[in-house]
Amino acid sequence: MVAVCDALCYDARHSTCVCSACGGVNHGRGYDQAVANTRQLHTEWLERALTEHPDVAFEIGADVTQLPLFPLES
C-alpha cells in the first residue's frame, strides 16, 4: 500500500489528520507549505534509511517530479 498526502490533508478544514503519509505535518497547511514539508520529510527519511541500511544502495533520479493532482484531459 502506498500512503498519499493530498488536498484532503493539506487543504483540510477539520481538526483531525487521517493521512498516513505525512503524520499530520501537512494537515491544513496549504499546497505550497505541504510541498516544502514533504521535501524536508523526504530528506529525513532518506538520511534515516542510509544510516539504518548502509549496505543498501539508494538512487535518486534527477527527473523526479510531482504528479498532478488531477490528470490533464487530452
Protein backbone atom coordinates (compact mmCIF):
# COMPACT_ATOMS: atom_id res chain seq x y z
CA MET A 1 0.00 0.00 0.00
CA VAL A 2 1.23 3.48 -0.86
CA ALA A 3 0.41 6.30 1.52
CA VAL A 4 -0.69 9.52 -0.14
CA CYS A 5 -0.85 13.04 1.20
CA ASP A 6 -3.15 15.10 -0.99
CA ALA A 7 -5.55 18.04 -0.91
CA LEU A 8 -7.79 16.18 1.54
CA CYS A 9 -4.96 16.65 4.01
CA TYR A 10 -3.16 19.88 3.15
CA ASP A 11 -6.38 21.78 2.41
CA ALA A 12 -8.24 20.21 5.35
CA ARG A 13 -10.56 22.29 7.48
CA HIS A 14 -11.29 19.60 10.10
CA SER A 15 -9.08 19.19 13.17
CA THR A 16 -8.06 15.52 12.86
CA CYS A 17 -5.49 14.36 10.32
CA VAL A 18 -6.24 10.94 8.86
CA CYS A 19 -3.35 10.99 6.38
CA SER A 20 -0.90 8.16 6.94
CA ALA A 21 1.77 9.71 4.72
CA CYS A 22 2.68 12.96 6.47
CA GLY A 23 1.75 12.13 10.06
CA GLY A 24 -0.07 15.44 10.36
CA VAL A 25 2.81 17.69 9.25
CA ASN A 26 0.88 18.91 6.19
CA HIS A 27 -2.58 18.97 7.74
CA GLY A 28 -4.34 22.19 6.80
CA ARG A 29 -1.07 23.84 5.73
CA GLY A 30 -1.94 24.52 2.09
CA TYR A 31 -0.26 23.26 -1.06
CA ASP A 32 2.95 25.32 -1.06
CA GLN A 33 3.81 24.56 2.58
CA ALA A 34 2.92 20.89 2.06
CA VAL A 35 5.40 20.68 -0.83
CA ALA A 36 8.14 22.23 1.32
CA ASN A 37 7.28 19.97 4.28
CA THR A 38 7.26 16.86 2.10
CA ARG A 39 10.66 17.69 0.62
CA GLN A 40 12.04 18.01 4.16
CA LEU A 41 10.38 14.74 5.21
CA HIS A 42 11.89 13.00 2.19
CA THR A 43 15.36 14.22 3.13
CA GLU A 44 14.91 12.96 6.69
CA TRP A 45 13.55 9.58 5.52
CA LEU A 46 16.46 9.11 3.12
CA GLU A 47 19.05 10.06 5.75
CA ARG A 48 17.48 7.60 8.21
CA ALA A 49 17.41 4.84 5.57
CA LEU A 50 21.07 5.41 4.70
CA THR A 51 22.01 5.27 8.40
CA GLU A 52 19.93 2.19 9.20
CA HIS A 53 20.83 0.31 5.98
CA PRO A 54 24.32 1.37 4.88
CA ASP A 55 24.66 -1.80 2.78
CA VAL A 56 21.73 -0.87 0.52
CA ALA A 57 22.29 1.38 -2.48
CA PHE A 58 19.81 4.22 -2.95
CA GLU A 59 19.46 6.22 -6.12
CA ILE A 60 17.53 9.44 -6.50
CA GLY A 61 16.52 10.30 -10.03
CA ALA A 62 17.17 13.85 -11.17
CA ASP A 63 13.99 13.69 -13.24
CA VAL A 64 11.67 13.05 -10.31
CA THR A 65 8.61 15.28 -10.42
CA GLN A 66 5.36 15.51 -8.58
CA LEU A 67 2.26 14.09 -10.20
CA PRO A 68 -0.59 16.48 -10.96
CA LEU A 69 -3.47 16.31 -8.52
CA PHE A 70 -5.88 15.79 -11.40
CA PRO A 71 -4.87 14.23 -14.73
CA LEU A 72 -4.97 16.57 -17.70
CA GLU A 73 -7.60 15.77 -20.27
CA SER A 74 -6.38 15.33 -23.83
